[in-house]
Amino acid sequence: MNILMKCIDYWDRKVKGFGILEVKMAEAATMGFTLIIVKIFPKILALSVWWFIVLSVVCEAPVLYAVWFKKNGQSGAA
């Protein structure tokens, strides 16, 4: 578990140095990767829209918690 925390801390330090251009390029790369996956496995689009809504809420919950309920300066790893 200690190795995982060191890895997370390392990448956290790296990402904090990103500017707006790097963040937008990472978003575009993620979108491109998603499109490739959908082209390879087209049956993914046949899933009910509710699966995508649930997945979106689950992925968004930690971000919303960090933005609205955590005090500034607190780390998520602590």
Protein backbone atom coordinates (compact mmCIF):
# COMPACT_ATOMS: atom_id res chain seq x y z
CA MET A 1 0.00 0.00 0.00
CA ASN A 2 2.94 2.32 0.71
CA ILE A 3 4.17 1.91 -2.87
CA LEU A 4 0.75 2.89 -4.17
CA MET A 5 0.73 6.05 -2.04
CA LYS A 6 4.22 6.98 -3.27
CA CYS A 7 3.06 6.50 -6.86
CA ILE A 8 -0.02 8.67 -6.27
CA ASP A 9 2.09 11.38 -4.61
CA TYR A 10 4.57 11.30 -7.49
CA TRP A 11 1.90 11.75 -10.15
CA ASP A 12 0.10 14.35 -8.04
CA ARG A 13 3.27 16.47 -7.97
CA LYS A 14 3.70 16.02 -11.74
CA VAL A 15 0.11 17.00 -12.57
CA LYS A 16 0.16 20.10 -10.37
CA GLY A 17 2.68 21.59 -12.80
CA PHE A 18 0.28 21.27 -15.75
CA GLY A 19 -1.01 24.38 -17.44
CA ILE A 20 -4.35 24.74 -19.16
CA LEU A 21 -2.95 23.47 -22.47
CA GLU A 22 -1.66 20.24 -20.92
CA VAL A 23 -4.95 19.64 -19.12
CA LYS A 24 -6.96 20.13 -22.32
CA MET A 25 -4.58 17.87 -24.26
CA ALA A 26 -5.05 15.16 -21.60
CA GLU A 27 -8.82 15.54 -21.94
CA ALA A 28 -8.57 15.23 -25.73
CA ALA A 29 -6.38 12.13 -25.39
CA THR A 30 -8.92 10.55 -23.04
CA MET A 31 -11.72 11.33 -25.48
CA GLY A 32 -9.72 9.80 -28.32
CA PHE A 33 -9.02 6.67 -26.27
CA THR A 34 -12.74 6.39 -25.48
CA LEU A 35 -13.65 6.66 -29.16
CA ILE A 36 -11.15 3.91 -30.00
CA ILE A 37 -12.68 1.64 -27.36
CA VAL A 38 -16.19 2.32 -28.69
CA LYS A 39 -15.08 1.57 -32.26
CA ILE A 40 -13.50 -1.71 -31.13
CA PHE A 41 -16.47 -2.72 -28.96
CA PRO A 42 -19.55 -1.11 -30.57
CA LYS A 43 -21.96 -3.06 -28.35
CA ILE A 44 -20.99 -0.70 -25.54
CA LEU A 45 -23.33 1.85 -27.11
CA ALA A 46 -26.21 -0.62 -26.86
CA LEU A 47 -26.13 -0.35 -23.05
CA SER A 48 -28.89 1.51 -21.30
CA VAL A 49 -28.21 5.18 -20.76
CA TRP A 50 -28.67 4.61 -17.01
CA TRP A 51 -25.38 2.68 -16.84
CA PHE A 52 -23.58 5.73 -18.20
CA ILE A 53 -25.38 8.03 -15.79
CA VAL A 54 -24.46 5.85 -12.80
CA LEU A 55 -20.84 5.61 -13.96
CA SER A 56 -20.72 9.38 -14.41
CA VAL A 57 -22.09 10.04 -10.91
CA VAL A 58 -19.70 7.53 -9.33
CA CYS A 59 -16.70 9.11 -11.07
CA GLU A 60 -17.85 12.65 -10.35
CA ALA A 61 -18.66 12.19 -6.64
CA PRO A 62 -15.07 12.42 -5.30
CA VAL A 63 -14.41 15.54 -7.36
CA LEU A 64 -17.56 17.26 -6.16
CA TYR A 65 -16.75 16.29 -2.58
CA ALA A 66 -13.24 17.75 -2.91
CA VAL A 67 -14.54 20.97 -4.46
CA TRP A 68 -17.49 21.67 -2.17
CA PHE A 69 -16.84 20.01 1.19
CA LYS A 70 -13.09 19.77 1.78
CA LYS A 71 -11.14 22.64 3.25
CA ASN A 72 -8.38 24.11 1.08
CA GLY A 73 -5.01 22.47 1.41
CA GLN A 74 -6.25 19.07 2.49
CA SER A 75 -4.89 16.11 0.62
CA GLY A 76 -7.11 13.25 -0.50
CA ALA A 77 -4.36 10.74 0.37
CA ALA A 78 -4.30 11.64 4.08
